[in-house]
Amino acid sequence: MENFEDFVERYINAGIDIAVHILNEKRLLPPYSFLINHDGNLQTVIPNEADFLFEDHVIIDYFKDFGNQKISENLNAGFCVIYNSKINKGTGISDAITLFFKFKNDTLPLKTRVYYFPYFFQNQKPYINFELAFSSEG
């Protein structure tokens, strides 16, 4: 059986892959979310068409509320919300792929983990600077 940190790492990698795919396709990163089923499979969360009319922070909050509801109803093992943020890691302001996770069986007090992966475009492709990546766990 997979230990919990390997489980988390698997979904971090899945989130990065999804974000890079979106960035390659759209050259921007609108909010995106997936649920993690109890069997480990991913299920994309599709908001109502009208939800796309709201600002990103409203959609991000919707995704978090929806994921928390699914966890509290024991329908899912966790969820991820992927979105773009601006960070300053001493090298100036940079775009970052942000992965917000919540796992039902996490050992962290708040059961939340947020990972930031700074990126820029090089030759029309997103380049992630993994050396500047950081996390906030609670």
Protein backbone atom coordinates (compact mmCIF):
# COMPACT_ATOMS: atom_id res chain seq x y z
CA MET A 1 0.00 0.00 0.00
CA GLU A 2 1.20 3.50 -0.89
CA ASN A 3 2.24 5.74 2.01
CA PHE A 4 0.45 9.06 2.37
CA GLU A 5 3.31 11.29 1.17
CA ASP A 6 3.65 9.22 -2.02
CA PHE A 7 -0.14 9.54 -2.44
CA VAL A 8 0.16 13.34 -2.13
CA GLU A 9 3.10 13.49 -4.52
CA ARG A 10 1.13 11.53 -7.13
CA TYR A 11 -1.59 14.21 -7.11
CA ILE A 12 0.91 17.08 -7.09
CA ASN A 13 2.37 15.61 -10.28
CA ALA A 14 -1.12 15.18 -11.75
CA GLY A 15 -1.96 18.80 -10.91
CA ILE A 16 1.23 20.10 -12.52
CA ASP A 17 0.56 18.02 -15.64
CA ILE A 18 -2.97 19.44 -15.90
CA ALA A 19 -1.74 23.02 -15.37
CA VAL A 20 0.99 22.68 -18.00
CA HIS A 21 -1.52 21.23 -20.46
CA ILE A 22 -3.86 24.20 -19.89
CA LEU A 23 -0.98 26.70 -20.17
CA ASN A 24 0.18 25.10 -23.42
CA GLU A 25 -3.33 25.27 -24.80
CA LYS A 26 -4.48 28.70 -23.55
CA ARG A 27 -1.31 30.53 -22.47
CA LEU A 28 -3.14 31.43 -19.26
CA LEU A 29 -4.33 29.44 -16.28
CA PRO A 30 -8.01 29.86 -15.39
CA PRO A 31 -9.13 28.08 -12.19
CA TYR A 32 -9.54 24.32 -12.54
CA SER A 33 -10.50 21.66 -10.01
CA PHE A 34 -10.56 17.91 -9.66
CA LEU A 35 -11.91 15.56 -7.02
CA ILE A 36 -9.92 12.54 -5.89
CA ASN A 37 -12.17 9.52 -5.69
CA HIS A 38 -11.71 6.84 -3.02
CA ASP A 39 -10.31 4.54 -5.70
CA GLY A 40 -7.65 7.15 -6.54
CA ASN A 41 -9.13 8.25 -9.86
CA LEU A 42 -9.60 11.91 -10.72
CA GLN A 43 -12.93 13.53 -11.51
CA THR A 44 -12.94 16.99 -13.12
CA VAL A 45 -15.26 19.55 -11.53
CA ILE A 46 -17.19 21.40 -14.21
CA PRO A 47 -18.80 24.61 -12.97
CA ASN A 48 -22.02 25.92 -14.43
CA GLU A 49 -21.55 28.05 -17.53
CA ALA A 50 -22.67 31.15 -15.58
CA ASP A 51 -19.88 30.58 -13.03
CA PHE A 52 -17.30 31.45 -15.69
CA LEU A 53 -18.64 35.02 -15.65
CA PHE A 54 -17.24 35.58 -12.16
CA GLU A 55 -13.73 36.68 -11.24
CA ASP A 56 -11.19 33.93 -10.59
CA HIS A 57 -11.28 34.27 -6.78
CA VAL A 58 -15.06 33.59 -6.79
CA ILE A 59 -14.59 30.44 -8.88
CA ILE A 60 -11.70 29.32 -6.65
CA ASP A 61 -13.88 29.73 -3.54
CA TYR A 62 -16.70 27.80 -5.27
CA PHE A 63 -14.31 24.93 -6.07
CA LYS A 64 -13.05 24.84 -2.46
CA ASP A 65 -16.59 24.88 -1.02
CA PHE A 66 -17.67 22.14 -3.43
CA GLY A 67 -14.64 19.98 -2.59
CA ASN A 68 -15.13 20.45 1.15
CA GLN A 69 -18.78 19.42 0.77
CA LYS A 70 -17.82 16.24 -1.11
CA ILE A 71 -15.23 15.35 1.55
CA SER A 72 -17.65 16.00 4.42
CA GLU A 73 -20.23 13.76 2.74
CA ASN A 74 -17.49 11.08 2.44
CA LEU A 75 -17.97 11.01 -1.34
CA ASN A 76 -14.34 11.79 -2.13
CA ALA A 77 -10.89 11.28 -0.59
CA GLY A 78 -9.76 14.79 -1.47
CA PHE A 79 -9.70 17.56 -4.01
CA CYS A 80 -7.37 19.96 -5.77
CA VAL A 81 -7.93 23.49 -7.02
CA ILE A 82 -5.44 24.73 -9.59
CA TYR A 83 -5.09 28.43 -10.29
CA ASN A 84 -2.64 31.15 -11.20
CA SER A 85 -1.20 33.43 -8.53
CA LYS A 86 1.43 36.13 -8.34
CA ILE A 87 4.32 35.55 -5.95
CA ASN A 88 7.46 37.39 -4.92
CA LYS A 89 10.31 35.05 -3.99
CA GLY A 90 13.00 37.71 -3.88
CA THR A 91 13.50 37.63 -7.65
CA GLY A 92 10.58 39.93 -8.38
CA ILE A 93 6.95 39.17 -9.03
CA SER A 94 6.32 35.96 -10.92
CA ASP A 95 3.35 33.93 -12.05
CA ALA A 96 2.95 30.66 -10.22
CA ILE A 97 0.89 27.53 -10.70
CA THR A 98 -0.89 27.17 -7.38
CA LEU A 99 -2.16 23.77 -6.25
CA PHE A 100 -4.53 23.87 -3.28
CA PHE A 101 -5.18 20.39 -1.86
CA LYS A 102 -7.36 19.04 0.87
CA PHE A 103 -7.24 15.34 1.78
CA LYS A 104 -9.76 13.66 4.04
CA ASN A 105 -7.14 11.47 5.75
CA ASP A 106 -4.37 14.05 5.95
CA THR A 107 -2.42 14.19 9.22
CA LEU A 108 -2.02 17.97 9.03
CA PRO A 109 -4.28 19.91 11.45
CA LEU A 110 -6.19 21.83 8.74
CA LYS A 111 -5.77 19.03 6.21
CA THR A 112 -4.76 21.59 3.58
CA ARG A 113 -1.63 21.89 1.48
CA VAL A 114 -0.81 24.67 -0.96
CA TYR A 115 2.05 24.36 -3.44
CA TYR A 116 3.46 27.17 -5.58
CA PHE A 117 5.40 26.52 -8.78
CA PRO A 118 6.77 29.72 -10.40
CA TYR A 119 6.70 29.64 -14.17
CA PHE A 120 7.34 31.74 -17.26
CA PHE A 121 6.99 31.19 -20.97
CA GLN A 122 10.02 30.26 -23.03
CA ASN A 123 9.63 29.63 -26.77
CA GLN A 124 5.84 29.72 -26.36
CA LYS A 125 5.96 26.90 -23.76
CA PRO A 126 5.55 27.17 -20.00
CA TYR A 127 8.75 26.60 -18.07
CA ILE A 128 8.40 25.75 -14.37
CA ASN A 129 11.22 26.86 -12.11
CA PHE A 130 11.21 23.96 -9.65
CA GLU A 131 14.13 25.47 -7.72
CA LEU A 132 11.86 28.33 -6.58
CA ALA A 133 8.88 26.09 -5.80
CA PHE A 134 7.60 26.20 -2.21
CA SER A 135 4.66 25.05 -0.12
CA SER A 136 2.44 26.11 2.73
CA GLU A 137 0.95 23.30 4.75
CA GLY A 138 -1.59 23.62 7.51
